């Protein structure tokens, strides 16, 4: 699934809205989209994130590794993903999730491999 979204990363650099949404959709634990799709026998893996950043827009993608049964139910799966996105919109930004994303970003930066300038 690929979605065109208005370019916001430069404006909201510190808030990282795409990171927040990627964190929620890409979550693999209890209560996640992936957990539901696995339980239904539709999928074995899922990833979500920003694929392209251009001047005016960005492409956000959700990639799902489907089983044979999942391939027979693509429309249902797409509907579930969009239903989850609507739940995220309805509930709004949760401070504890935002803090978790911020802390993960700090750790990734702190422990990233050193590269030559």
Protein backbone atom coordinates (compact mmCIF):
# COMPACT_ATOMS: atom_id res chain seq x y z
CA UNK A 1 0.00 0.00 0.00
CA UNK A 2 1.49 3.36 -0.98
CA UNK A 3 0.05 6.68 0.13
CA UNK A 4 0.96 10.15 -1.07
CA UNK A 5 1.19 12.50 1.90
CA UNK A 6 1.85 16.22 2.07
CA UNK A 7 5.52 16.94 2.75
CA UNK A 8 5.65 17.69 6.48
CA UNK A 9 9.01 16.30 7.54
CA UNK A 10 10.86 19.60 7.11
CA UNK A 11 8.23 21.59 8.98
CA UNK A 12 7.86 19.03 11.78
CA UNK A 13 11.47 17.82 11.86
CA UNK A 14 11.56 17.48 15.65
CA UNK A 15 8.11 15.88 15.95
CA UNK A 16 8.70 13.29 13.18
CA UNK A 17 5.05 12.54 12.31
CA UNK A 18 5.93 9.82 9.78
CA UNK A 19 8.06 8.09 12.42
CA UNK A 20 5.10 8.13 14.83
CA UNK A 21 2.70 6.57 12.31
CA UNK A 22 5.33 4.07 11.11
CA UNK A 23 5.91 3.05 14.72
CA UNK A 24 2.22 2.30 15.24
CA UNK A 25 1.48 0.57 11.94
CA UNK A 26 4.78 -1.34 11.96
CA UNK A 27 4.32 -2.57 15.53
CA UNK A 28 4.39 -6.36 15.64
CA UNK A 29 3.19 -7.14 19.17
CA UNK A 30 -0.15 -7.89 20.77
CA UNK A 31 -2.97 -5.76 19.36
CA UNK A 32 -1.07 -4.84 16.19
CA UNK A 33 -2.29 -5.11 12.60
CA UNK A 34 0.34 -7.78 12.00
CA UNK A 35 -0.82 -9.81 15.01
CA UNK A 36 -4.38 -9.72 13.64
CA UNK A 37 -3.29 -10.63 10.11
CA UNK A 38 -1.18 -13.52 11.43
CA UNK A 39 -4.10 -14.77 13.55
CA UNK A 40 -6.33 -14.69 10.45
CA UNK A 41 -3.65 -16.59 8.50
CA UNK A 42 -3.22 -13.69 6.05
CA UNK A 43 0.35 -12.49 6.64
CA UNK A 44 3.78 -13.36 7.98
CA UNK A 45 5.41 -9.92 8.04
CA UNK A 46 4.77 -6.18 7.82
CA UNK A 47 6.82 -3.01 7.53
CA UNK A 48 5.77 0.63 7.29
CA UNK A 49 7.61 3.84 6.66
CA UNK A 50 8.52 6.75 4.46
CA UNK A 51 9.70 5.48 1.09
CA UNK A 52 10.36 8.73 -0.79
CA UNK A 53 10.65 12.36 0.28
CA UNK A 54 10.20 14.91 -2.46
CA UNK A 55 9.79 18.69 -2.29
CA UNK A 56 5.97 18.72 -2.27
CA UNK A 57 5.01 15.28 -1.06
CA UNK A 58 6.21 12.04 0.46
CA UNK A 59 5.32 8.43 -0.25
CA UNK A 60 4.38 6.43 2.84
CA UNK A 61 4.28 2.68 2.33
CA UNK A 62 2.93 -0.32 4.16
CA UNK A 63 4.44 -3.57 2.92
CA UNK A 64 2.79 -6.82 4.00
CA UNK A 65 4.16 -10.30 3.30
CA UNK A 66 1.03 -12.26 2.48
CA UNK A 67 0.28 -15.94 2.74
CA UNK A 68 -1.68 -17.74 0.01
CA UNK A 69 -4.85 -17.07 2.02
CA UNK A 70 -3.82 -13.42 2.32
CA UNK A 71 -3.48 -13.14 -1.45
CA UNK A 72 -7.11 -14.25 -1.70
CA UNK A 73 -8.17 -11.51 0.75
CA UNK A 74 -6.20 -8.43 -0.36
CA UNK A 75 -9.22 -6.10 -0.32
CA UNK A 76 -10.09 -7.16 3.24
CA UNK A 77 -6.48 -6.60 4.34
CA UNK A 78 -6.35 -3.13 2.76
CA UNK A 79 -9.62 -2.33 4.54
CA UNK A 80 -8.11 -3.39 7.88
CA UNK A 81 -5.05 -1.20 7.34
CA UNK A 82 -7.20 1.85 6.53
CA UNK A 83 -9.47 1.10 9.50
CA UNK A 84 -6.38 1.14 11.73
CA UNK A 85 -5.21 4.43 10.21
CA UNK A 86 -8.65 5.88 11.00
CA UNK A 87 -8.32 4.72 14.62
CA UNK A 88 -4.95 6.49 14.84
CA UNK A 89 -6.54 9.67 13.43
CA UNK A 90 -9.50 9.44 15.83
CA UNK A 91 -7.39 8.85 18.95
CA UNK A 92 -4.87 11.56 18.06
CA UNK A 93 -1.33 11.85 19.31
CA UNK A 94 -0.67 9.87 22.48
CA UNK A 95 2.06 11.44 24.63
CA UNK A 96 3.45 8.10 25.80
CA UNK A 97 3.80 6.83 22.21
CA UNK A 98 5.41 10.10 21.12
CA UNK A 99 7.88 9.80 24.03
CA UNK A 100 8.64 6.20 23.10
CA UNK A 101 9.40 7.20 19.49
CA UNK A 102 11.59 10.07 20.69
CA UNK A 103 13.54 7.77 23.03
CA UNK A 104 14.06 5.16 20.30
CA UNK A 105 15.34 7.86 17.92
CA UNK A 106 17.79 9.09 20.57
CA UNK A 107 19.09 5.57 21.15
CA UNK A 108 19.44 4.91 17.42
CA UNK A 109 21.45 8.12 17.04
CA UNK A 110 23.58 7.44 20.12
CA UNK A 111 24.45 3.89 19.09
CA UNK A 112 24.70 4.39 15.33
CA UNK A 113 27.91 3.43 13.61
CA UNK A 114 30.39 6.22 13.21
CA UNK A 115 30.90 7.29 9.61
CA UNK A 116 33.51 9.45 7.95
CA UNK A 117 32.40 13.05 7.28
